[in-house]
Protein backbone atom coordinates (compact mmCIF):
# COMPACT_ATOMS: atom_id res chain seq x y z
CA MET A 1 29.20 145.45 98.75
CA ASN A 2 31.41 147.84 96.81
CA TRP A 3 35.33 147.35 95.95
CA GLU A 4 36.73 150.12 97.72
CA GLN A 5 35.29 148.92 100.65
CA LEU A 6 36.46 145.12 99.91
CA LEU A 7 39.75 146.15 98.92
CA SER A 8 40.75 147.67 102.42
CA LEU A 9 44.24 148.24 103.12
CA LYS A 10 43.46 149.05 106.57
CA ARG A 11 45.28 146.79 109.17
CA TYR A 12 43.24 144.86 111.95
CA GLY A 13 44.44 146.71 115.13
CA ASP A 14 44.82 149.92 113.57
CA THR A 15 42.40 153.22 113.95
CA HIS A 16 43.02 154.69 110.89
CA LYS A 17 42.59 153.84 107.14
CA ARG A 18 45.55 153.30 104.72
CA LEU A 19 45.29 154.59 101.04
CA ARG A 20 46.19 152.44 97.90
CA ILE A 21 47.76 155.61 96.33
CA GLU A 22 50.03 156.10 99.25
CA GLN A 23 51.54 152.94 99.42
CA ASP A 24 55.21 152.27 98.81
CA GLU A 25 55.45 150.66 95.39
CA ILE A 26 58.50 148.62 96.21
CA ARG A 27 56.44 146.66 99.59
CA LEU A 28 52.91 147.55 99.00
CA GLY A 29 50.46 146.60 102.30
CA PHE A 30 49.08 143.18 101.06
CA GLU A 31 52.85 141.95 100.10
CA VAL A 32 53.27 142.61 103.70
CA ASP A 33 50.48 140.67 104.91
CA TYR A 34 52.11 137.64 102.85
CA ASP A 35 55.26 138.12 104.50
CA ARG A 36 53.95 138.22 107.81
CA ILE A 37 52.34 134.89 107.66
CA ILE A 38 55.26 133.51 106.14
CA PHE A 39 57.21 134.37 108.84
CA SER A 40 54.96 133.60 111.85
CA GLU A 41 55.09 130.58 113.89
CA ALA A 42 51.85 129.46 113.49
CA PHE A 43 52.70 128.88 109.49
CA ARG A 44 56.08 127.25 110.56
CA SER A 45 54.26 124.69 112.44
CA LEU A 46 52.38 123.51 109.22
CA GLN A 47 55.68 121.67 108.07
CA ASP A 48 54.87 119.01 110.59
CA LYS A 49 51.19 118.47 109.49
CA THR A 50 50.76 116.16 106.31
CA GLN A 51 47.62 116.91 103.66
CA VAL A 52 47.11 113.35 102.41
CA VAL A 53 49.37 111.01 103.60
CA PRO A 54 49.76 110.52 107.32
CA LEU A 55 53.14 109.47 109.00
CA SER A 56 54.86 108.96 105.83
CA GLN A 57 58.60 108.44 105.86
CA GLU A 58 59.10 110.06 102.37
CA ASP A 59 60.51 113.32 102.19
CA PHE A 60 58.52 113.91 98.78
CA VAL A 61 54.79 114.00 100.06
CA HIS A 62 53.40 117.16 100.84
CA THR A 63 52.96 118.88 103.91
CA ARG A 64 50.31 121.47 105.01
CA LEU A 65 52.99 123.82 104.49
CA THR A 66 53.95 123.00 100.76
CA HIS A 67 50.34 122.36 99.86
CA SER A 68 49.39 126.27 101.34
CA LEU A 69 52.36 128.05 99.43
CA GLU A 70 51.27 125.88 96.13
CA VAL A 71 47.85 127.15 96.68
CA SER A 72 49.22 130.51 97.19
CA VAL A 73 50.63 130.15 94.14
CA VAL A 74 47.79 129.42 92.05
CA GLY A 75 45.63 131.91 93.87
CA ARG A 76 47.74 134.76 92.90
CA SER A 77 47.02 133.86 89.24
CA LEU A 78 43.31 133.69 89.73
CA GLY A 79 43.29 137.00 91.61
CA ARG A 80 45.58 138.50 88.98
CA LEU A 81 42.96 137.84 85.99
CA ALA A 82 39.83 138.51 88.23
CA GLY A 83 41.64 141.98 89.08
CA LYS A 84 42.14 142.62 85.30
CA GLU A 85 38.47 142.13 84.59
CA ILE A 86 37.33 144.03 88.04
CA LEU A 87 39.38 147.23 86.84
CA LYS A 88 38.05 147.20 83.51
CA LYS A 89 34.61 147.05 84.80
CA HIS A 90 35.14 149.50 87.49
CA PRO A 91 37.93 151.87 85.93
CA HIS A 92 37.92 154.59 89.04
CA LEU A 93 39.44 151.76 91.36
CA LYS A 94 42.52 152.13 89.00
CA GLU A 95 42.44 155.43 87.47
CA THR A 96 41.51 157.35 90.94
CA LEU A 97 42.36 155.18 93.78
CA GLY A 98 45.85 153.23 92.38
CA TYR A 99 44.45 149.45 92.48
CA GLN A 100 46.42 147.45 90.11
CA ALA A 101 45.46 143.82 88.97
CA GLN A 102 48.74 142.22 91.27
CA ASP A 103 46.77 143.92 94.27
CA PHE A 104 43.92 141.22 93.52
CA GLY A 105 46.71 138.64 93.18
CA SER A 106 48.23 139.68 96.27
CA ILE A 107 45.13 139.44 98.40
CA VAL A 108 44.40 136.12 97.48
CA ALA A 109 47.83 134.87 97.63
CA ALA A 110 48.28 136.04 101.59
CA ALA A 111 44.59 134.50 102.29
CA ALA A 112 45.27 131.28 100.18
CA LEU A 113 48.92 131.28 102.34
CA ALA A 114 46.89 131.04 105.33
CA HIS A 115 44.01 129.33 104.81
CA ASP A 116 45.42 126.09 106.52
CA ILE A 117 46.60 127.81 109.39
CA GLY A 118 44.25 127.10 112.14
CA ASN A 119 44.23 123.29 111.38
CA PRO A 120 44.98 120.83 113.88
CA PRO A 121 47.27 117.82 113.71
CA PHE A 122 45.54 115.18 111.49
CA GLY A 123 43.24 117.40 109.88
CA HIS A 124 39.55 116.91 110.14
CA SER A 125 40.40 113.49 111.98
CA GLY A 126 42.10 116.04 114.56
CA GLU A 127 38.84 118.43 114.49
CA LYS A 128 36.80 115.19 115.52
CA SER A 129 39.17 114.44 118.25
CA ILE A 130 39.23 117.32 119.70
CA GLY A 131 35.07 117.64 119.31
CA ALA A 132 34.91 114.06 121.20
CA TYR A 133 37.24 115.13 124.04
CA PHE A 134 34.85 118.06 125.15
CA GLU A 135 31.36 115.95 124.05
CA LYS A 136 31.99 112.76 125.57
CA ARG A 137 35.13 112.84 127.54
CA ASN A 138 36.54 114.90 130.33
CA GLY A 139 36.04 118.15 128.40
CA VAL A 140 32.13 117.77 129.54
CA GLN A 141 32.93 119.13 132.64
CA PHE A 142 33.23 122.59 131.18
CA LYS A 143 29.60 122.37 129.79
CA SER A 144 28.35 124.42 132.67
CA GLN A 145 30.50 126.66 132.35
CA LEU A 146 29.86 128.06 128.85
CA SER A 147 27.20 129.35 126.63
CA GLU A 148 25.27 126.90 124.39
CA LYS A 149 27.24 128.32 121.42
CA GLU A 150 30.81 128.44 123.21
CA TYR A 151 29.93 124.70 124.04
CA HIS A 152 29.16 124.18 120.78
CA ASP A 153 32.43 125.69 119.18
CA LEU A 154 34.10 122.92 121.29
CA THR A 155 32.22 119.95 120.59
CA HIS A 156 32.15 121.05 116.76
CA PHE A 157 35.63 122.55 116.53
CA GLU A 158 36.78 124.06 113.06
CA GLY A 159 40.05 124.62 111.68
CA ASN A 160 38.85 127.39 110.17
CA ALA A 161 37.55 129.16 113.14
CA ASN A 162 41.14 128.35 114.72
CA GLY A 163 42.95 129.94 111.78
CA PHE A 164 40.81 133.16 112.25
CA ASN A 165 41.69 133.32 115.81
CA VAL A 166 45.60 132.47 115.27
CA LEU A 167 45.57 135.60 112.63
CA THR A 168 43.63 138.22 114.87
CA ASN A 169 43.86 137.12 118.66
CA ASP A 170 46.28 139.56 120.36
CA ASN A 171 49.58 138.79 121.08
CA LEU A 172 52.19 140.03 124.27
CA GLY A 173 52.88 143.44 122.71
CA ASN A 174 51.26 142.79 119.70
CA PRO A 175 47.22 143.87 119.45
CA GLY A 176 45.54 142.60 116.51
CA GLY A 177 47.46 139.22 115.90
CA LEU A 178 49.34 139.49 112.75
CA ARG A 179 47.78 142.78 112.17
CA LEU A 180 46.86 141.77 108.63
CA SER A 181 44.48 144.25 106.38
CA TYR A 182 41.11 143.86 106.67
CA ALA A 183 41.07 142.55 102.79
CA THR A 184 43.36 139.58 103.17
CA LEU A 185 41.20 138.64 106.38
CA GLY A 186 38.02 138.98 104.55
CA ALA A 187 39.20 137.06 101.58
CA PHE A 188 40.70 134.04 104.49
CA MET A 189 36.80 134.42 105.91
CA LYS A 190 35.34 131.20 103.99
CA TYR A 191 32.64 130.36 106.29
CA PRO A 192 31.34 133.96 107.61
CA LYS A 193 29.09 132.66 110.43
CA GLU A 194 29.12 131.24 113.69
CA SER A 195 28.60 127.48 114.65
CA LEU A 196 24.96 127.76 115.46
CA PRO A 197 22.81 127.07 113.56
CA HIS A 198 24.32 124.30 111.96
CA LYS A 199 24.12 124.27 108.26
CA PRO A 200 21.09 126.55 107.95
CA THR A 201 21.14 126.63 104.33
CA LYS A 202 22.66 124.68 101.27
CA HIS A 203 25.05 127.54 100.48
CA ILE A 204 28.63 126.94 100.72
CA ALA A 205 29.14 129.28 102.87
CA ASP A 206 26.96 127.69 105.44
CA LYS A 207 28.81 124.28 105.16
CA LYS A 208 30.98 125.27 108.32
CA TYR A 209 31.54 127.90 110.47
CA GLY A 210 34.42 130.86 110.80
CA PHE A 211 34.35 132.28 114.35
CA PHE A 212 34.51 130.95 117.81
CA GLN A 213 32.39 133.13 120.02
CA THR A 214 35.27 134.81 121.63
CA ASP A 215 36.09 136.15 118.25
CA ARG A 216 32.66 137.23 117.66
CA GLU A 217 33.40 140.99 118.25
CA ALA A 218 36.70 141.01 115.63
CA PHE A 219 35.11 139.17 113.05
CA GLU A 220 32.00 141.57 113.00
CA ASP A 221 34.47 144.48 112.66
CA ILE A 222 36.09 143.20 109.89
CA ALA A 223 32.76 142.38 107.95
CA LYS A 224 31.60 145.85 108.91
CA GLU A 225 34.54 147.63 107.74
CA LEU A 226 34.64 145.48 104.09
CA GLY A 227 30.89 146.20 103.82
CA LEU A 228 29.87 142.54 103.99
CA LYS A 229 25.97 141.99 103.34
CA GLN A 230 24.65 140.72 106.92
CA THR A 231 22.82 137.85 105.74
CA ARG A 232 20.95 137.06 109.28
CA SER A 233 21.25 139.19 112.32
CA GLY A 234 20.40 139.04 115.73
CA GLU A 235 20.71 135.76 117.79
CA HIS A 236 22.48 133.88 114.70
CA ASN A 237 24.91 136.48 112.94
CA SER A 238 26.27 135.64 109.21
CA PHE A 239 27.55 137.61 106.43
CA SER A 240 27.84 136.77 102.43
CA ARG A 241 31.30 136.21 101.47
CA HIS A 242 34.08 138.48 100.44
CA PRO A 243 34.19 137.75 96.74
CA LEU A 244 37.94 136.88 96.66
CA THR A 245 37.29 133.91 98.77
CA TYR A 246 36.01 132.22 96.35
CA LEU A 247 39.41 132.75 94.42
CA VAL A 248 40.99 131.44 97.53
CA GLU A 249 38.58 128.29 97.38
CA ALA A 250 39.10 127.62 93.99
CA ALA A 251 42.95 127.72 94.32
CA ASP A 252 42.78 124.97 97.38
CA ASP A 253 40.27 123.01 95.00
CA ILE A 254 42.82 122.65 92.41
CA CYS A 255 45.89 121.67 94.28
CA TYR A 256 43.98 119.20 96.35
CA THR A 257 42.16 117.52 93.80
CA ILE A 258 44.97 117.29 91.03
CA ILE A 259 48.65 117.78 92.47
CA ASP A 260 48.00 116.28 95.38
CA PHE A 261 47.81 112.84 93.44
CA GLU A 262 51.76 113.47 93.44
CA ASP A 263 52.11 111.99 96.61
CA THR A 264 50.07 108.86 96.09
CA ASP A 265 51.61 108.44 92.21
CA SER A 266 55.40 108.71 93.99
CA LEU A 267 54.61 106.40 96.60
CA LYS A 268 53.11 103.92 93.87
CA ASP A 269 49.98 103.99 95.91
CA LEU A 270 47.49 105.49 93.72
CA GLN A 271 45.68 102.57 93.13
CA THR A 272 44.37 102.61 96.73
CA PHE A 273 42.66 105.92 96.36
CA ALA A 274 41.91 105.70 92.47
CA PRO A 275 38.50 105.33 91.14
CA LYS A 276 37.78 101.95 89.28
CA GLY A 277 39.45 101.68 85.92
CA LEU A 278 42.35 104.71 86.98
CA THR A 279 45.66 103.54 87.59
CA ALA A 280 49.34 105.02 88.42
CA ARG A 281 51.59 105.47 85.67
């Protein structure tokens, strides 16, 4: 992998590349990604999905929307710090191609903003409910019409794969979904593999899957454009992660392991969730 490919400003749905040195400094392409996500209907819908405390009557608790905004802020800082060091190691990225440290921050911020955009209501419980519908209830009727992988996508429904679909799926008169940059889409792709085989290794990138079979062509196109290393080929495709994906994940971890304690503390219910010996203020 090389950083010139990994920082691709080309938009999904475009047929031509976009160069950093030709960008308008007032509003860079990676910043446009952030704006498009903010103004999307899918992002607004996150305001009705809670983060930690379900069905709360309090205004204070985090929703998936406020959580995503916080993750994007943390991610921006992490991205800029990493970008500063990467530019030191690869000075041609700045001197010849025009990349700046804030570009890395903008990519991570946009990907972090969208990281929960495909989550169904009730989070992981919602995923399990959708899977159970297709595995044990009326959805079983569709099994004979689908391939093994397509059916597995439904019985093991995954919010990350649904998020990729939301960001890239063609809309009426708008090919390429939100038409985000390849770099932002790459940083978003936490699990660059299909649903089968299930957890083939203990590597974090194999923990879940990142695209439905209907989106396989789009996923492979993005991986190829970014130069992501193919880790498995043939019947079961998978790729290495985009390096900036680790910063998106780190920002998410920071927020949900630290900041979200505010919810339980504000509800005076921290004791319910806390390890033995830890009490609310």
